């Protein structure tokens, strides 16, 4: 005769969210669900309402661990349809269910049917279901409807599980499922129940199975284990409560930090905008100053060209004076030569007079007259020579004056060139200085952008961490 074994291990699904499953309304029946499937090794188990999967995963683990051929049908809309579960569906319940199933139980036969219970009816033949678990709506009419419509699908020795048959009040009202269970017990004699975890009713359609079950199963064991789990849960809740208080303070601190960060961001953005406008203004002023410098340089270039033309004119004038000076000098030289030739001629004449004694006196008279004429000529020539010398001096003074003027012009040109070079160097230094200032501004802006990104990333990480922690706290609730 087969013995009823009591499960005393860990549930695979808890590693994905133990708080969600351990604190589930069905958590006090997980050991019983595992043992029920392990003992009967049913052909199939049909669940009307799988929700987070607390019961589903217990059934699936029994099939997997014991290498059973049982097929499990999980039927649910995974949508809020009553006041009891409406806030649970704000989370991704179906996503969590699928994650656990695909990670732990994809190697056993499970059919997940995301549809209403009535729509799922047509998928099953009459007298085909061995174990049926009813855990959908808790309203009296809904539970009654589910039982009456699915009863024909049960085998003659089938077993039906009813959750939420406890007399605990929910929102100051007795659950409809509790009322309906009391009516069923009057009509069906083979029932058993457990009051922990909102209660679980067990209805046997077969007397033989019922008697076998009663003789082998100690339901108080599951009550004790549930009490143990509840005490452990209370300690956990107490710890989590103080964590929640700390978290509340931390969240409030985060809010204050967020407000400060927002204020800092506002100031930082304002400063960046101010720097940007200042940079744009500086850039415009720089361009304006560059254009002014370029115009100044163009004006200087025009002045330099004009002065070069004037210098060329002066050089031409000087060349003309030099040419005239050469002509005067040449005429003077020619006059001196003629004078020397005349003197030679006079010497020859004197020699001729000396040779002729008779004509000596006449010669002397002629010579004297000639000498007088010569002296007169010499005086005239000397006056002319002096005049020429004066003209030459005047020319020399004019030339010297022009040379001094040219030197002054050249000095002015050199001074101008020096000024131009100084302006050019100052311009280049100004451009380099402004480029360096622009680079400093760009570096400052990059630094501000980097600071903004760091603040933004830190803020986003803080918000993400806060949201994740709040989600964990909500799930623990």
Protein backbone atom coordinates (compact mmCIF):
# COMPACT_ATOMS: atom_id res chain seq x y z
CA UNK A 1 0.00 0.00 0.00
CA UNK A 2 1.35 3.43 -1.03
CA UNK A 3 2.39 5.78 1.76
CA UNK A 4 1.61 9.49 1.92
CA UNK A 5 4.89 11.43 2.02
CA UNK A 6 5.26 14.89 3.55
CA UNK A 7 7.35 17.43 1.61
CA UNK A 8 10.07 19.12 3.64
CA UNK A 9 12.25 20.83 1.03
CA UNK A 10 12.57 24.17 -0.75
CA UNK A 11 10.49 25.40 -3.62
CA UNK A 12 12.36 26.20 -6.83
CA UNK A 13 10.28 29.29 -7.61
CA UNK A 14 11.23 31.06 -4.38
CA UNK A 15 14.64 32.01 -5.79
CA UNK A 16 12.89 34.36 -8.22
CA UNK A 17 10.81 36.15 -5.59
CA UNK A 18 10.44 34.37 -2.27
CA UNK A 19 8.54 37.28 -0.71
CA UNK A 20 5.94 37.24 -3.45
CA UNK A 21 5.31 33.50 -3.11
CA UNK A 22 5.84 32.98 0.62
CA UNK A 23 3.36 35.72 1.45
CA UNK A 24 0.86 34.62 -1.18
CA UNK A 25 -2.66 33.78 0.12
CA UNK A 26 -2.06 30.19 -1.06
CA UNK A 27 1.42 29.84 0.52
CA UNK A 28 0.17 27.79 3.51
CA UNK A 29 -1.01 25.02 1.15
CA UNK A 30 2.09 24.59 -1.02
CA UNK A 31 3.36 21.53 0.86
CA UNK A 32 -0.08 19.93 0.65
CA UNK A 33 -0.38 20.65 -3.09
CA UNK A 34 3.05 19.10 -3.72
CA UNK A 35 2.18 16.00 -1.63
CA UNK A 36 -1.27 15.62 -3.26
CA UNK A 37 0.17 15.44 -6.79
CA UNK A 38 3.08 13.25 -5.66
CA UNK A 39 0.71 10.75 -4.05
CA UNK A 40 -2.01 10.45 -6.71
CA UNK A 41 0.25 10.91 -9.75
CA UNK A 42 -2.80 12.24 -11.67
CA UNK A 43 -3.11 12.22 -15.43
CA UNK A 44 -3.82 15.92 -15.31
CA UNK A 45 -4.34 18.91 -13.01
CA UNK A 46 -6.48 21.86 -14.13
CA UNK A 47 -6.20 25.23 -12.40
CA UNK A 48 -8.92 27.85 -12.69
CA UNK A 49 -6.87 30.86 -11.58
CA UNK A 50 -3.08 30.58 -11.51
CA UNK A 51 -2.22 34.22 -10.80
CA UNK A 52 1.37 34.49 -9.43
CA UNK A 53 1.71 30.71 -9.62
CA UNK A 54 2.05 29.83 -5.94
CA UNK A 55 -0.15 26.71 -6.37
CA UNK A 56 0.91 26.11 -9.99
CA UNK A 57 4.62 25.95 -9.20
CA UNK A 58 4.02 23.58 -6.26
CA UNK A 59 2.12 21.20 -8.59
CA UNK A 60 4.80 21.58 -11.30
CA UNK A 61 7.64 20.87 -8.87
CA UNK A 62 5.96 17.64 -7.74
CA UNK A 63 5.68 16.54 -11.38
CA UNK A 64 9.29 17.46 -12.16
CA UNK A 65 10.89 16.04 -9.00
CA UNK A 66 8.97 12.73 -9.18
CA UNK A 67 9.33 12.40 -12.97
CA UNK A 68 5.57 12.13 -13.44
CA UNK A 69 3.68 12.17 -16.75
CA UNK A 70 1.06 14.54 -15.34
CA UNK A 71 -0.06 17.40 -17.59
CA UNK A 72 -0.84 20.70 -15.89
CA UNK A 73 -3.25 23.28 -17.33
CA UNK A 74 -2.85 26.84 -16.00
CA UNK A 75 -5.93 28.93 -16.92
CA UNK A 76 -6.15 32.63 -16.14
CA UNK A 77 -6.73 35.98 -17.82
CA UNK A 78 -3.99 37.51 -15.65
CA UNK A 79 -6.13 40.66 -15.50
CA UNK A 80 -7.78 42.40 -12.53
CA UNK A 81 -11.42 41.38 -12.21
CA UNK A 82 -12.22 41.99 -8.55
CA UNK A 83 -11.41 44.28 -5.64
CA UNK A 84 -9.28 41.61 -3.99
CA UNK A 85 -6.64 41.35 -6.75
CA UNK A 86 -6.93 44.63 -8.63
CA UNK A 87 -3.74 46.17 -7.20
CA UNK A 88 -1.71 43.00 -7.77
CA UNK A 89 -2.24 43.32 -11.49
CA UNK A 90 -0.53 46.67 -11.52
CA UNK A 91 2.63 44.54 -11.64
CA UNK A 92 3.62 42.30 -14.54
CA UNK A 93 2.10 39.16 -13.01
CA UNK A 94 1.98 37.17 -16.24
CA UNK A 95 5.59 38.13 -17.04
CA UNK A 96 6.73 36.80 -13.67
CA UNK A 97 4.70 33.60 -14.13
CA UNK A 98 6.27 32.97 -17.55
CA UNK A 99 9.77 33.70 -16.28
CA UNK A 100 9.55 31.04 -13.55
CA UNK A 101 7.87 28.52 -15.85
CA UNK A 102 10.44 28.92 -18.65
CA UNK A 103 13.38 28.86 -16.25
CA UNK A 104 12.35 25.90 -14.07
CA UNK A 105 9.51 23.86 -15.60
CA UNK A 106 9.76 24.06 -19.38
CA UNK A 107 10.87 20.40 -19.43
CA UNK A 108 7.52 19.09 -18.13
CA UNK A 109 4.11 19.12 -19.84
CA UNK A 110 2.35 22.40 -19.03
CA UNK A 111 -0.26 24.22 -21.10
CA UNK A 112 -0.68 27.90 -20.23
CA UNK A 113 -4.15 29.06 -21.32
CA UNK A 114 -4.57 32.85 -21.18
CA UNK A 115 -8.36 32.98 -21.48
CA UNK A 116 -11.57 33.02 -19.47
CA UNK A 117 -12.74 29.87 -17.63
CA UNK A 118 -15.85 29.62 -19.81
CA UNK A 119 -13.80 29.82 -23.02
CA UNK A 120 -11.46 27.12 -21.71
CA UNK A 121 -14.38 24.72 -21.10
CA UNK A 122 -14.61 23.71 -24.75
CA UNK A 123 -10.99 22.53 -24.63
CA UNK A 124 -11.80 19.64 -22.26
CA UNK A 125 -13.89 16.55 -22.69
CA UNK A 126 -16.41 15.44 -20.09
CA UNK A 127 -15.06 13.08 -17.43
CA UNK A 128 -11.45 13.91 -18.36
CA UNK A 129 -10.09 15.94 -15.43
CA UNK A 130 -8.62 14.17 -12.41
CA UNK A 131 -7.83 17.15 -10.11
CA UNK A 132 -9.54 20.56 -10.50
CA UNK A 133 -8.41 23.60 -8.52
CA UNK A 134 -10.94 26.47 -8.35
CA UNK A 135 -9.30 29.76 -7.33
CA UNK A 136 -10.79 32.46 -9.52
CA UNK A 137 -13.29 35.07 -8.46
CA UNK A 138 -14.33 34.84 -4.80
CA UNK A 139 -17.89 36.08 -5.36
CA UNK A 140 -20.58 33.55 -4.49
CA UNK A 141 -22.18 33.54 -7.96
CA UNK A 142 -18.82 33.16 -9.71
CA UNK A 143 -17.62 30.27 -7.56
CA UNK A 144 -20.96 28.49 -7.94
CA UNK A 145 -20.87 29.05 -11.71
CA UNK A 146 -17.32 27.68 -11.98
CA UNK A 147 -18.20 24.58 -9.98
CA UNK A 148 -21.41 23.81 -11.87
CA UNK A 149 -19.93 24.35 -15.36
CA UNK A 150 -16.74 22.40 -14.72
CA UNK A 151 -18.19 19.54 -12.65
CA UNK A 152 -19.14 17.52 -15.77
CA UNK A 153 -15.47 17.63 -16.84
CA UNK A 154 -14.38 15.70 -13.72
CA UNK A 155 -13.70 12.00 -13.66
CA UNK A 156 -15.96 9.92 -11.40
CA UNK A 157 -13.20 9.70 -8.80
CA UNK A 158 -12.00 13.27 -9.38
CA UNK A 159 -10.88 15.69 -6.70
CA UNK A 160 -11.84 19.38 -6.53
CA UNK A 161 -9.87 21.96 -4.51
CA UNK A 162 -11.55 25.20 -3.40
CA UNK A 163 -9.47 28.09 -2.16
CA UNK A 164 -10.75 30.91 0.13
CA UNK A 165 -13.26 28.81 2.08
CA UNK A 166 -12.13 30.30 5.44
CA UNK A 167 -14.54 32.39 7.50
CA UNK A 168 -12.02 35.22 7.63
CA UNK A 169 -13.52 38.57 6.74
CA UNK A 170 -12.31 40.53 3.74
CA UNK A 171 -13.28 44.22 3.69
CA UNK A 172 -15.61 43.37 6.64
CA UNK A 173 -17.46 40.80 4.54
CA UNK A 174 -17.48 37.00 4.41
CA UNK A 175 -16.19 35.71 1.09
CA UNK A 176 -18.79 34.26 -1.26
CA UNK A 177 -16.55 31.23 -1.74
CA UNK A 178 -16.87 30.51 2.00
CA UNK A 179 -20.68 30.63 1.82
CA UNK A 180 -20.75 28.36 -1.22
CA UNK A 181 -18.40 25.86 0.43
CA UNK A 182 -20.72 25.53 3.40
CA UNK A 183 -23.57 24.70 1.00
CA UNK A 184 -21.44 22.11 -0.81
CA UNK A 185 -20.57 20.32 2.43
CA UNK A 186 -24.28 19.76 3.03
CA UNK A 187 -24.70 18.21 -0.42
CA UNK A 188 -21.39 16.33 -0.77
CA UNK A 189 -20.39 14.13 2.21
CA UNK A 190 -16.76 13.45 1.24
CA UNK A 191 -14.98 16.68 2.09
CA UNK A 192 -12.00 17.86 4.12
CA UNK A 193 -10.69 21.32 4.83
CA UNK A 194 -7.87 23.39 6.25
CA UNK A 195 -8.44 26.89 7.64
CA UNK A 196 -4.96 28.36 7.28
CA UNK A 197 -4.04 30.64 4.35
CA UNK A 198 -7.66 31.67 3.70
CA UNK A 199 -8.72 28.06 3.82
CA UNK A 200 -8.61 25.16 1.34
CA UNK A 201 -11.59 22.87 0.81
CA UNK A 202 -11.09 19.37 -0.64
CA UNK A 203 -14.07 17.66 -2.26
CA UNK A 204 -13.85 13.95 -3.23
CA UNK A 205 -16.28 12.57 -5.79
CA UNK A 206 -15.16 9.05 -4.82
CA UNK A 207 -15.82 7.57 -1.39
CA UNK A 208 -12.87 5.18 -1.73
CA UNK A 209 -10.44 7.99 -2.39
CA UNK A 210 -11.87 9.99 0.43
CA UNK A 211 -11.48 7.19 2.98
CA UNK A 212 -7.95 6.43 1.76
CA UNK A 213 -7.07 10.11 2.09
CA UNK A 214 -8.54 10.47 5.60
CA UNK A 215 -6.72 7.37 6.80
CA UNK A 216 -3.30 8.49 5.59
CA UNK A 217 -3.16 12.29 5.76
CA UNK A 218 -2.59 14.33 8.91
CA UNK A 219 -4.01 17.77 8.01
CA UNK A 220 -2.80 19.18 11.33
CA UNK A 221 0.74 18.72 10.05
CA UNK A 222 0.08 21.30 7.31
CA UNK A 223 -1.53 23.60 9.89
CA UNK A 224 1.58 23.38 12.08
CA UNK A 225 3.90 23.97 9.13
CA UNK A 226 1.78 26.89 8.03
CA UNK A 227 1.93 28.31 11.56
CA UNK A 228 5.68 27.89 11.51
CA UNK A 229 5.86 29.67 8.16
CA UNK A 230 3.56 32.41 9.43
CA UNK A 231 5.73 32.99 12.49
CA UNK A 232 8.77 33.17 10.25
CA UNK A 233 6.84 35.54 7.98
CA UNK A 234 5.89 37.72 10.98
CA UNK A 235 9.56 38.07 11.89
CA UNK A 236 10.32 38.87 8.31
CA UNK A 237 7.47 41.39 8.20
CA UNK A 238 8.70 42.98 11.42
CA UNK A 239 12.20 43.35 9.98
CA UNK A 240 10.79 44.63 6.70
CA UNK A 241 8.58 47.07 8.59
CA UNK A 242 11.57 48.78 10.12
CA UNK A 243 13.33 48.61 6.76
CA UNK A 244 10.28 50.29 5.32
CA UNK A 245 10.49 53.04 7.94
CA UNK A 246 14.16 53.52 7.14
CA UNK A 247 13.32 53.44 3.46
CA UNK A 248 10.69 56.11 4.02
CA UNK A 249 13.28 58.35 5.62
CA UNK A 250 15.73 57.53 2.86
CA UNK A 251 13.11 58.28 0.21
CA UNK A 252 12.33 61.58 1.91
CA UNK A 253 16.04 62.35 1.94
CA UNK A 254 16.21 61.44 -1.73
CA UNK A 255 13.32 63.80 -2.42
CA UNK A 256 15.19 66.60 -0.69
CA UNK A 257 18.36 65.69 -2.58
CA UNK A 258 16.33 65.65 -5.78
CA UNK A 259 14.96 69.13 -5.04
CA UNK A 260 18.46 70.40 -4.36
CA UNK A 261 19.72 68.68 -7.51
CA UNK A 262 16.88 70.23 -9.51
CA UNK A 263 17.75 73.65 -8.10
CA UNK A 264 21.42 73.04 -8.86
CA UNK A 265 20.55 71.91 -12.37
CA UNK A 266 18.45 75.04 -12.88
CA UNK A 267 21.30 77.26 -11.73
CA UNK A 268 23.78 75.30 -13.80
CA UNK A 269 21.64 75.50 -16.92
CA UNK A 270 21.21 79.26 -16.34
CA UNK A 271 24.99 79.65 -15.93
CA UNK A 272 25.64 77.62 -19.07
CA UNK A 273 23.16 79.77 -21.00
CA UNK A 274 24.82 82.90 -19.64
CA UNK A 275 28.27 81.65 -20.63
CA UNK A 276 26.94 80.68 -24.03
CA UNK A 277 25.50 84.17 -24.61
CA UNK A 278 28.71 85.77 -23.28
CA UNK A 279 30.74 83.57 -25.62
CA UNK A 280 28.54 84.50 -28.57
CA UNK A 281 28.86 88.22 -27.70
CA UNK A 282 32.64 87.88 -27.33
CA UNK A 283 32.81 86.07 -30.65
CA UNK A 284 30.88 88.88 -32.38
CA UNK A 285 33.11 91.52 -30.78
CA UNK A 286 36.16 89.54 -31.82
CA UNK A 287 34.96 89.36 -35.43
CA UNK A 288 34.18 93.11 -35.36
CA UNK A 289 37.66 93.89 -33.99
CA UNK A 290 39.28 91.62 -36.60
CA UNK A 291 37.42 93.47 -39.36
CA UNK A 292 38.56 96.81 -37.90
CA UNK A 293 42.17 95.58 -37.83
CA UNK A 294 41.89 94.35 -41.41
CA UNK A 295 40.53 97.76 -42.51
CA UNK A 296 43.37 99.51 -40.63
CA UNK A 297 45.92 97.26 -42.31
CA UNK A 298 44.37 97.94 -45.72
CA UNK A 299 44.52 101.70 -45.04
CA UNK A 300 48.18 101.38 -44.01
CA UNK A 301 48.91 99.37 -47.14
CA UNK A 302 47.32 102.14 -49.26
CA UNK A 303 49.39 104.78 -47.41
CA UNK A 304 52.57 102.73 -47.89
CA UNK A 305 51.90 102.40 -51.62
CA UNK A 306 51.25 106.17 -51.90
CA UNK A 307 54.47 106.96 -50.00
CA UNK A 308 56.41 104.52 -52.19
CA UNK A 309 55.16 106.42 -55.25
CA UNK A 310 56.20 109.72 -53.64
CA UNK A 311 59.62 108.32 -52.77
CA UNK A 312 60.05 107.21 -56.36
CA UNK A 313 59.20 110.74 -57.43
CA UNK A 314 61.80 112.09 -55.00
CA UNK A 315 64.38 109.63 -56.27
CA UNK A 316 63.63 110.76 -59.83
CA UNK A 317 64.06 114.39 -58.78
CA UNK A 318 67.35 113.57 -57.09
CA UNK A 319 68.57 111.77 -60.22
CA UNK A 320 67.67 114.87 -62.27
CA UNK A 321 69.65 117.09 -59.87
CA UNK A 322 72.60 114.73 -60.13
CA UNK A 323 72.40 114.86 -63.92
CA UNK A 324 72.33 118.68 -63.91
CA UNK A 325 75.27 118.79 -61.51
CA UNK A 326 77.28 116.61 -63.87
CA UNK A 327 76.53 119.07 -66.74
CA UNK A 328 77.74 122.06 -64.71
CA UNK A 329 80.86 120.28 -63.70
CA UNK A 330 81.55 119.28 -67.30
CA UNK A 331 81.17 122.91 -68.47
CA UNK A 332 83.51 124.12 -65.70
CA UNK A 333 86.12 121.54 -66.68
CA UNK A 334 85.87 122.62 -70.29
CA UNK A 335 86.38 126.30 -69.28
CA UNK A 336 89.55 125.48 -67.32
CA UNK A 337 90.98 123.55 -70.30
CA UNK A 338 90.30 126.48 -72.62
CA UNK A 339 92.01 128.82 -70.14
CA UNK A 340 95.11 126.62 -70.06
CA UNK A 341 95.23 126.49 -73.85
CA UNK A 342 95.03 130.27 -73.99
CA UNK A 343 97.87 130.63 -71.52
CA UNK A 344 99.96 128.29 -73.69
CA UNK A 345 99.23 130.43 -76.69
CA UNK A 346 100.33 133.55 -74.79
CA UNK A 347 103.55 131.85 -73.84
CA UNK A 348 104.25 131.04 -77.45
CA UNK A 349 103.55 134.65 -78.42
CA UNK A 350 105.91 135.93 -75.73
CA UNK A 351 108.60 133.61 -77.01
CA UNK A 352 108.08 134.96 -80.49
CA UNK A 353 108.36 138.58 -79.20
CA UNK A 354 111.50 137.78 -77.29
CA UNK A 355 113.07 136.26 -80.42
CA UNK A 356 112.39 139.43 -82.35
CA UNK A 357 114.15 142.21 -80.47
CA UNK A 358 112.77 144.86 -82.76
CA UNK A 359 109.28 143.87 -82.09
CA UNK A 360 110.01 143.47 -78.40
CA UNK A 361 108.59 146.79 -77.30
CA UNK A 362 105.64 146.45 -79.58
CA UNK A 363 105.35 142.95 -78.34
CA UNK A 364 105.55 144.18 -74.78
CA UNK A 365 102.81 146.67 -75.47
CA UNK A 366 100.75 144.05 -77.15
CA UNK A 367 101.58 141.69 -74.42
CA UNK A 368 100.62 144.22 -71.83
CA UNK A 369 97.40 144.89 -73.64
CA UNK A 370 96.93 141.17 -74.04
CA UNK A 371 97.75 140.66 -70.38
CA UNK A 372 95.25 143.34 -69.45
CA UNK A 373 92.69 141.70 -71.64
CA UNK A 374 93.71 138.34 -70.26
CA UNK A 375 93.44 139.60 -66.69
CA UNK A 376 90.08 141.07 -67.51
CA UNK A 377 89.10 137.77 -69.06
CA UNK A 378 90.49 135.97 -66.04
CA UNK A 379 88.53 138.23 -63.68
CA UNK A 380 85.41 137.64 -65.74
CA UNK A 381 86.06 133.92 -65.73
CA UNK A 382 86.81 133.98 -62.01
CA UNK A 383 83.50 135.78 -61.43
CA UNK A 384 81.80 133.18 -63.60
CA UNK A 385 83.61 130.42 -61.77
CA UNK A 386 82.49 131.91 -58.43
CA UNK A 387 78.97 132.11 -59.78
CA UNK A 388 79.26 128.49 -60.86
CA UNK A 389 80.58 127.60 -57.41
CA UNK A 390 77.62 129.37 -55.82
CA UNK A 391 75.26 127.51 -58.13
CA UNK A 392 77.01 124.25 -57.23
CA UNK A 393 76.75 125.08 -53.53
CA UNK A 394 73.10 125.84 -53.95
CA UNK A 395 72.64 122.57 -55.81
CA UNK A 396 74.62 120.75 -53.15
CA UNK A 397 72.50 122.34 -50.43
CA UNK A 398 69.37 121.40 -52.37
CA UNK A 399 70.66 117.87 -52.87
CA UNK A 400 71.70 117.60 -49.22
CA UNK A 401 68.32 118.91 -48.17
CA UNK A 402 66.59 116.40 -50.38
CA UNK A 403 68.83 113.64 -49.06
CA UNK A 404 67.97 114.69 -45.50
CA UNK A 405 64.32 114.73 -46.49
CA UNK A 406 64.69 111.29 -48.08
CA UNK A 407 66.44 110.08 -44.93
CA UNK A 408 63.57 111.50 -42.91
CA UNK A 409 61.15 109.76 -45.28
CA UNK A 410 63.11 106.52 -44.96
CA UNK A 411 63.16 106.94 -41.17
CA UNK A 412 59.43 107.61 -41.24
CA UNK A 413 58.96 104.55 -43.44
CA UNK A 414 61.08 102.47 -41.06
CA UNK A 415 59.09 103.80 -38.11
CA UNK A 416 55.87 103.05 -39.98
CA UNK A 417 57.08 99.54 -40.81
CA UNK A 418 58.00 99.08 -37.16
CA UNK A 419 54.55 100.33 -36.12
CA UNK A 420 52.92 98.03 -38.67
CA UNK A 421 54.94 95.09 -37.34
CA UNK A 422 54.02 96.03 -33.77
CA UNK A 423 50.36 96.28 -34.78
CA UNK A 424 50.65 92.98 -36.63
CA UNK A 425 52.32 91.31 -33.64
CA UNK A 426 49.77 92.83 -31.26
CA UNK A 427 47.00 91.65 -33.59
CA UNK A 428 48.45 88.15 -33.75
CA UNK A 429 48.88 88.11 -29.95
CA UNK A 430 45.31 89.39 -29.56
CA UNK A 431 44.02 86.65 -31.90
CA UNK A 432 46.06 83.99 -30.07
CA UNK A 433 44.87 85.33 -26.71
CA UNK A 434 41.26 85.33 -27.84
CA UNK A 435 41.64 81.80 -29.28
CA UNK A 436 43.10 80.68 -25.94
CA UNK A 437 40.22 82.42 -24.15
CA UNK A 438 37.75 80.74 -26.50
CA UNK A 439 39.40 77.37 -25.80
CA UNK A 440 39.13 78.10 -22.05
CA UNK A 441 35.44 78.94 -22.52
CA UNK A 442 34.88 75.75 -24.52
CA UNK A 443 36.75 73.77 -21.86
CA UNK A 444 34.60 75.42 -19.18
CA UNK A 445 31.44 74.61 -21.14
CA UNK A 446 32.61 70.99 -21.62
CA UNK A 447 33.34 70.82 -17.89
CA UNK A 448 29.85 72.17 -17.12
CA UNK A 449 28.32 69.69 -19.58
CA UNK A 450 30.28 66.86 -17.96
CA UNK A 451 29.11 68.02 -14.50
CA UNK A 452 25.50 68.17 -15.77
CA UNK A 453 25.82 64.65 -17.25
CA UNK A 454 27.33 63.35 -13.99
CA UNK A 455 24.56 65.00 -11.95
CA UNK A 456 21.95 63.71 -14.39
CA UNK A 457 23.40 60.15 -14.37
CA UNK A 458 23.68 60.16 -10.57
CA UNK A 459 20.15 61.51 -10.35
CA UNK A 460 18.81 58.90 -12.81
CA UNK A 461 20.67 56.10 -10.97
CA UNK A 462 19.26 57.38 -7.69
CA UNK A 463 15.75 57.49 -9.13
CA UNK A 464 16.17 54.01 -10.70
CA UNK A 465 17.50 52.63 -7.41
CA UNK A 466 14.64 54.30 -5.58
CA UNK A 467 12.05 52.93 -7.99
CA UNK A 468 13.52 49.42 -7.79
CA UNK A 469 13.54 49.57 -4.00
CA UNK A 470 9.98 50.91 -3.92
CA UNK A 471 8.91 48.07 -6.25
CA UNK A 472 10.52 45.56 -3.88
CA UNK A 473 8.74 47.15 -0.94
CA UNK A 474 5.41 47.11 -2.79
CA UNK A 475 5.92 43.45 -3.63
CA UNK A 476 6.76 42.68 0.01
CA UNK A 477 3.49 44.33 1.00
